[in-house]
Structure formats: C-alpha cells, structure tokens
C-alpha atoms as a PDB file:
ATOM      1  CA  MET A   1      57.270 149.962 127.777  1.00  0.00           C
ATOM      2  CA  PHE A   2      53.642 148.946 129.261  1.00  0.00           C
ATOM      3  CA  ASP A   3      55.583 150.072 132.781  1.00  0.00           C
ATOM      4  CA  ALA A   4      52.437 149.719 134.415  1.00  0.00           C
ATOM      5  CA  LEU A   5      52.055 146.039 134.044  1.00  0.00           C
ATOM      6  CA  PRO A   6      54.029 143.734 135.533  1.00  0.00           C
ATOM      7  CA  HIS A   7      57.096 141.947 133.423  1.00  0.00           C
ATOM      8  CA  LEU A   8      58.151 138.198 133.864  1.00  0.00           C
ATOM      9  CA  PRO A   9      60.755 136.606 132.381  1.00  0.00           C
ATOM     10  CA  ALA A  10      59.044 134.654 129.789  1.00  0.00           C
ATOM     11  CA  THR A  11      61.507 131.610 130.023  1.00  0.00           C
ATOM     12  CA  GLU A  12      60.441 131.461 133.724  1.00  0.00           C
ATOM     13  CA  HIS A  13      56.509 131.732 133.079  1.00  0.00           C
ATOM     14  CA  PRO A  14      55.594 129.455 130.171  1.00  0.00           C
ATOM     15  CA  GLU A  15      52.259 128.957 131.613  1.00  0.00           C
ATOM     16  CA  LEU A  16      51.446 132.282 130.105  1.00  0.00           C
ATOM     17  CA  LEU A  17      52.622 131.492 126.929  1.00  0.00           C
ATOM     18  CA  GLY A  18      50.753 129.928 123.631  1.00  0.00           C
ATOM     19  CA  GLU A  19      51.864 126.638 123.554  1.00  0.00           C
ATOM     20  CA  PRO A  20      53.741 127.081 120.200  1.00  0.00           C
ATOM     21  CA  VAL A  21      55.560 129.591 121.456  1.00  0.00           C
ATOM     22  CA  ARG A  22      56.582 127.589 124.989  1.00  0.00           C
ATOM     23  CA  ARG A  23      59.031 125.420 122.540  1.00  0.00           C
ATOM     24  CA  PHE A  24      60.869 128.213 121.409  1.00  0.00           C
ATOM     25  CA  ILE A  25      60.909 130.798 123.966  1.00  0.00           C
ATOM     26  CA  HIS A  26      64.512 129.714 125.381  1.00  0.00           C
ATOM     27  CA  LEU A  27      65.824 131.058 122.097  1.00  0.00           C
ATOM     28  CA  LEU A  28      64.807 134.701 123.326  1.00  0.00           C
ATOM     29  CA  PRO A  29      66.534 135.185 127.193  1.00  0.00           C
ATOM     30  CA  GLY A  30      65.829 138.286 127.489  1.00  0.00           C
ATOM     31  CA  ALA A  31      62.219 138.051 126.397  1.00  0.00           C
ATOM     32  CA  GLN A  32      59.676 139.554 129.247  1.00  0.00           C
ATOM     33  CA  VAL A  33      55.893 138.672 129.300  1.00  0.00           C
ATOM     34  CA  PHE A  34      53.035 140.245 130.961  1.00  0.00           C
ATOM     35  CA  THR A  35      49.587 139.419 130.965  1.00  0.00           C
ATOM     36  CA  ILE A  36      46.438 141.723 129.837  1.00  0.00           C
ATOM     37  CA  ASP A  37      42.534 141.163 129.145  1.00  0.00           C
ATOM     38  CA  PRO A  38      42.124 139.249 125.914  1.00  0.00           C
ATOM     39  CA  ALA A  39      39.418 141.851 124.868  1.00  0.00           C
ATOM     40  CA  LEU A  40      42.773 144.623 124.729  1.00  0.00           C
ATOM     41  CA  SER A  41      44.962 142.164 122.914  1.00  0.00           C
ATOM     42  CA  ASP A  42      44.491 144.230 119.520  1.00  0.00           C
ATOM     43  CA  THR A  43      47.124 146.391 119.150  1.00  0.00           C
ATOM     44  CA  GLU A  44      45.196 150.013 118.797  1.00  0.00           C
ATOM     45  CA  THR A  45      43.118 149.003 121.927  1.00  0.00           C
ATOM     46  CA  LEU A  46      45.739 148.162 123.917  1.00  0.00           C
ATOM     47  CA  CYS A  47      48.091 151.056 123.382  1.00  0.00           C
ATOM     48  CA  ARG A  48      45.176 153.247 123.783  1.00  0.00           C
ATOM     49  CA  THR A  49      43.998 151.479 126.870  1.00  0.00           C
ATOM     50  CA  TYR A  50      47.872 151.637 128.536  1.00  0.00           C
ATOM     51  CA  GLY A  51      48.970 155.079 126.618  1.00  0.00           C
ATOM     52  CA  GLU A  52      51.638 153.590 124.663  1.00  0.00           C
ATOM     53  CA  ASP A  53      52.825 154.515 121.264  1.00  0.00           C
ATOM     54  CA  GLU A  54      51.943 152.034 118.375  1.00  0.00           C
ATOM     55  CA  SER A  55      55.386 152.083 117.055  1.00  0.00           C
ATOM     56  CA  THR A  56      56.863 150.059 120.190  1.00  0.00           C
ATOM     57  CA  CYS A  57      54.670 147.425 118.976  1.00  0.00           C
ATOM     58  CA  GLY A  58      55.061 144.664 116.390  1.00  0.00           C
ATOM     59  CA  ASN A  59      52.744 142.717 114.099  1.00  0.00           C
ATOM     60  CA  CYS A  60      53.264 139.609 112.270  1.00  0.00           C
ATOM     61  CA  VAL A  61      50.865 138.534 109.532  1.00  0.00           C
ATOM     62  CA  ILE A  62      51.124 135.593 107.668  1.00  0.00           C
ATOM     63  CA  VAL A  63      51.301 135.982 103.790  1.00  0.00           C
ATOM     64  CA  ARG A  64      50.595 133.208 101.193  1.00  0.00           C
ATOM     65  CA  GLY A  65      51.416 133.206  97.824  1.00  0.00           C
ATOM     66  CA  ARG A  66      51.344 130.649  94.882  1.00  0.00           C
ATOM     67  CA  ARG A  67      53.055 130.026  91.349  1.00  0.00           C
ATOM     68  CA  GLY A  68      51.603 127.326  89.591  1.00  0.00           C
ATOM     69  CA  GLU A  69      50.861 123.988  91.944  1.00  0.00           C
ATOM     70  CA  ILE A  70      53.213 124.885  94.719  1.00  0.00           C
ATOM     71  CA  GLU A  71      52.294 127.343  97.353  1.00  0.00           C
ATOM     72  CA  ARG A  72      54.351 129.375  99.818  1.00  0.00           C
ATOM     73  CA  THR A  73      53.909 130.851 103.326  1.00  0.00           C
ATOM     74  CA  VAL A  74      55.672 133.435 104.999  1.00  0.00           C
ATOM     75  CA  ALA A  75      55.649 135.102 108.432  1.00  0.00           C
ATOM     76  CA  CYS A  76      56.317 139.081 108.171  1.00  0.00           C
ATOM     77  CA  LEU A  77      56.715 141.067 111.283  1.00  0.00           C
ATOM     78  CA  ALA A  78      57.030 144.760 111.249  1.00  0.00           C
ATOM     79  CA  LEU A  79      55.715 147.598 113.498  1.00  0.00           C
ATOM     80  CA  ALA A  80      52.113 148.527 113.919  1.00  0.00           C
ATOM     81  CA  THR A  81      52.788 151.771 112.598  1.00  0.00           C
ATOM     82  CA  THR A  82      53.884 150.384 108.967  1.00  0.00           C
ATOM     83  CA  ARG A  83      52.025 148.282 106.366  1.00  0.00           C
ATOM     84  CA  ILE A  84      54.113 145.391 105.014  1.00  0.00           C
ATOM     85  CA  ASP A  85      54.754 145.379 101.241  1.00  0.00           C
ATOM     86  CA  VAL A  86      52.450 142.646 100.107  1.00  0.00           C
ATOM     87  CA  ASN A  87      52.162 143.147  96.707  1.00  0.00           C
ATOM     88  CA  ARG A  88      55.861 144.347  95.564  1.00  0.00           C
ATOM     89  CA  LEU A  89      58.383 143.288  97.906  1.00  0.00           C
ATOM     90  CA  VAL A  90      56.942 139.613  99.236  1.00  0.00           C
ATOM     91  CA  ARG A  91      55.737 138.773  96.524  1.00  0.00           C
ATOM     92  CA  LYS A  92      59.216 139.098  94.549  1.00  0.00           C
ATOM     93  CA  ARG A  93      60.916 137.734  97.180  1.00  0.00           C
ATOM     94  CA  LEU A  94      58.317 134.521  97.404  1.00  0.00           C
ATOM     95  CA  ASP A  95      58.898 134.117  93.694  1.00  0.00           C
ATOM     96  CA  VAL A  96      55.020 134.046  93.164  1.00  0.00           C
ATOM     97  CA  ARG A  97      52.618 135.508  90.843  1.00  0.00           C
ATOM     98  CA  LYS A  98      49.847 136.850  93.567  1.00  0.00           C
ATOM     99  CA  CYS A  99      49.977 136.556  97.319  1.00  0.00           C
ATOM    100  CA  SER A 100      48.060 137.780  99.896  1.00  0.00           C
ATOM    101  CA  PHE A 101      47.354 137.296 103.624  1.00  0.00           C
ATOM    102  CA  ALA A 102      46.437 133.532 104.760  1.00  0.00           C
ATOM    103  CA  PRO A 103      42.818 133.147 105.495  1.00  0.00           C
ATOM    104  CA  MET A 104      42.247 133.717 109.545  1.00  0.00           C
ATOM    105  CA  ALA A 105      40.939 129.885 110.040  1.00  0.00           C
ATOM    106  CA  ASP A 106      44.175 128.924 108.113  1.00  0.00           C
ATOM    107  CA  ALA A 107      46.751 130.842 110.119  1.00  0.00           C
ATOM    108  CA  VAL A 108      45.352 130.028 113.352  1.00  0.00           C
ATOM    109  CA  ALA A 109      45.103 126.228 113.085  1.00  0.00           C
ATOM    110  CA  GLU A 110      48.487 125.812 110.874  1.00  0.00           C
ATOM    111  CA  SER A 111      50.350 128.491 113.693  1.00  0.00           C
ATOM    112  CA  GLY A 112      48.584 127.087 116.607  1.00  0.00           C
ATOM    113  CA  MET A 113      48.418 130.405 117.864  1.00  0.00           C
ATOM    114  CA  GLU A 114      45.372 132.517 118.691  1.00  0.00           C
ATOM    115  CA  TYR A 115      43.839 134.832 116.029  1.00  0.00           C
ATOM    116  CA  GLY A 116      45.448 138.463 117.109  1.00  0.00           C
ATOM    117  CA  ALA A 117      48.196 137.139 119.076  1.00  0.00           C
ATOM    118  CA  ILE A 118      50.122 135.225 116.146  1.00  0.00           C
ATOM    119  CA  THR A 119      53.823 135.773 116.999  1.00  0.00           C
ATOM    120  CA  PRO A 120      56.943 134.761 115.236  1.00  0.00           C
ATOM    121  CA  VAL A 121      58.246 132.928 118.156  1.00  0.00           C
ATOM    122  CA  GLY A 122      56.920 129.079 117.629  1.00  0.00           C
ATOM    123  CA  LEU A 123      55.947 129.219 113.905  1.00  0.00           C
ATOM    124  CA  PRO A 124      56.054 126.325 111.713  1.00  0.00           C
ATOM    125  CA  GLU A 125      60.119 125.670 110.830  1.00  0.00           C
ATOM    126  CA  ALA A 126      59.216 125.460 107.429  1.00  0.00           C
ATOM    127  CA  TRP A 127      57.960 129.268 106.987  1.00  0.00           C
ATOM    128  CA  PRO A 128      60.436 131.761 106.901  1.00  0.00           C
ATOM    129  CA  ILE A 129      60.403 134.790 109.292  1.00  0.00           C
ATOM    130  CA  TRP A 130      60.946 138.252 107.457  1.00  0.00           C
ATOM    131  CA  ILE A 131      61.533 140.574 110.207  1.00  0.00           C
ATOM    132  CA  ASP A 132      61.254 144.595 108.939  1.00  0.00           C
ATOM    133  CA  ALA A 133      64.884 146.226 109.759  1.00  0.00           C
ATOM    134  CA  ALA A 134      63.082 148.587 111.635  1.00  0.00           C
ATOM    135  CA  VAL A 135      61.843 146.217 113.964  1.00  0.00           C
ATOM    136  CA  ALA A 136      65.151 144.457 114.383  1.00  0.00           C
ATOM    137  CA  ALA A 137      67.102 147.712 115.273  1.00  0.00           C
ATOM    138  CA  ALA A 138      64.348 148.210 118.188  1.00  0.00           C
ATOM    139  CA  GLY A 139      65.724 148.231 121.680  1.00  0.00           C
ATOM    140  CA  GLN A 140      62.578 146.550 122.603  1.00  0.00           C
ATOM    141  CA  VAL A 141      59.094 145.593 120.828  1.00  0.00           C
ATOM    142  CA  CYS A 142      56.308 144.679 121.973  1.00  0.00           C
ATOM    143  CA  ILE A 143      54.616 141.603 120.147  1.00  0.00           C
ATOM    144  CA  GLY A 144      51.784 138.752 120.479  1.00  0.00           C
ATOM    145  CA  ALA A 145      52.404 135.418 122.915  1.00  0.00           C
ATOM    146  CA  GLY A 146      50.648 133.057 120.966  1.00  0.00           C
ATOM    147  CA  THR A 147      47.674 134.067 123.076  1.00  0.00           C
ATOM    148  CA  ARG A 148      45.282 136.709 123.439  1.00  0.00           C
ATOM    149  CA  SER A 149      45.891 137.119 127.346  1.00  0.00           C
ATOM    150  CA  ALA A 150      49.469 137.823 126.986  1.00  0.00           C
ATOM    151  CA  LYS A 151      52.390 140.140 125.188  1.00  0.00           C
ATOM    152  CA  LEU A 152      56.007 139.671 125.023  1.00  0.00           C
ATOM    153  CA  VAL A 153      58.439 142.013 124.784  1.00  0.00           C
ATOM    154  CA  VAL A 154      61.816 141.539 123.616  1.00  0.00           C
ATOM    155  CA  PRO A 155      65.052 143.188 122.050  1.00  0.00           C
ATOM    156  CA  GLY A 156      64.480 143.461 118.441  1.00  0.00           C
ATOM    157  CA  ARG A 157      67.562 141.740 117.126  1.00  0.00           C
ATOM    158  CA  SER A 158      66.574 138.831 119.596  1.00  0.00           C
ATOM    159  CA  LEU A 159      63.760 137.809 116.547  1.00  0.00           C
ATOM    160  CA  LEU A 160      66.754 137.158 114.155  1.00  0.00           C
ATOM    161  CA  ALA A 161      67.904 134.378 116.685  1.00  0.00           C
ATOM    162  CA  LEU A 162      64.666 132.311 115.657  1.00  0.00           C
ATOM    163  CA  PRO A 163      64.328 129.867 113.329  1.00  0.00           C
ATOM    164  CA  ASN A 164      64.364 130.618 109.440  1.00  0.00           C
ATOM    165  CA  ALA A 165      64.413 134.512 110.306  1.00  0.00           C
ATOM    166  CA  GLU A 166      66.277 137.404 108.613  1.00  0.00           C
ATOM    167  CA  ALA A 167      66.005 141.173 108.563  1.00  0.00           C
ATOM    168  CA  VAL A 168      64.346 142.456 105.629  1.00  0.00           C
ATOM    169  CA  ASP A 169      65.246 146.174 104.692  1.00  0.00           C
ATOM    170  CA  GLN A 170      62.231 147.604 103.183  1.00  0.00           C
ATOM    171  CA  LEU A 171      59.820 145.076 104.200  1.00  0.00           C
ATOM    172  CA  ALA A 172      57.237 147.541 105.173  1.00  0.00           C
ATOM    173  CA  ARG A 173      56.429 151.098 104.913  1.00  0.00           C
END
C-alpha cells in the first residue's frame, strides 16, 4: 500500500505525527508512517497520484448531534469508497433528533489535528470512535496522521485498541 513511499515505524518517528496522535500511537504498535506533500493529503488526490485504490484508505469524520441541551460528538471511520450513514444509523446510535458533520473549525480546534488529516488516533477520550466493520476487517488501511504531511498505514483490527473504539456494522454504505 503506497509502496512507492518509504514507510517507517510510527512509534519510532513521532516527529512525523500530529501532536495528539503522538500520545496514542503506542496503542498501534504495527502502525507505519510515510510522509507526503501536504497538497496531496486529500484521499482522492493521494490515490490518483500514487495509483492506489481509494478502498485502501479510511476517512474519519466528526459528527455532532443534539437532543435538547445535550450535545453529543462521535468520530466515525469508514473506507473512502463508502459514505457514513449519518442521518439514520449515527443519529439513532447517538440518540439525537438531528445530527451533522461538525463544523471544520470545531473539528480542528477540538481534535488538535489539521483539517483533512483528522484520524481516530489521539481524539479526545470522551468521544466514542465508531469504526465501520469493513475498516476493522481490512488487513491494512491508510488513515490520517493528524498532519497533512503524513499518513499512517495500520492493520484495521488494531484500531479497536483505541479508547472508546468499537466496530459498527453498516456504519457506512
């Protein structure tokens, strides 16, 4: 996966990771990191540039919902070729009347990561992390590293070691 780029053990190269990711990378001992031009960070551009199929990449989105005065936040990770079922499955599991993607400025400020590089590794511990079952079943998946200048390659199942992470069937379609 992205074999044209040199992969390094992520736990041995924290300088390549976003600050919040550094604190939790030890939970993913098999994680590899590779550097990229930040202009190539978006999944579609990255895959097109390196001839990789988008199905090898996972995208993490932050979803917010509200019921009365209570606001709930969840991170959802799905393969880039799928769409997270925000309006049905996520809304129902969050137990909110309405939910949507968190505003970019909020997602960046609260995660401490760069936009377009948000990853489930290092998110606030109060946020549940829902990982689509297809990601958890993937042998390897490319995800953000908290900074647009790097990506992580991790065994899908290893992501379940993150705090508050769980596999969710049909999170994405």
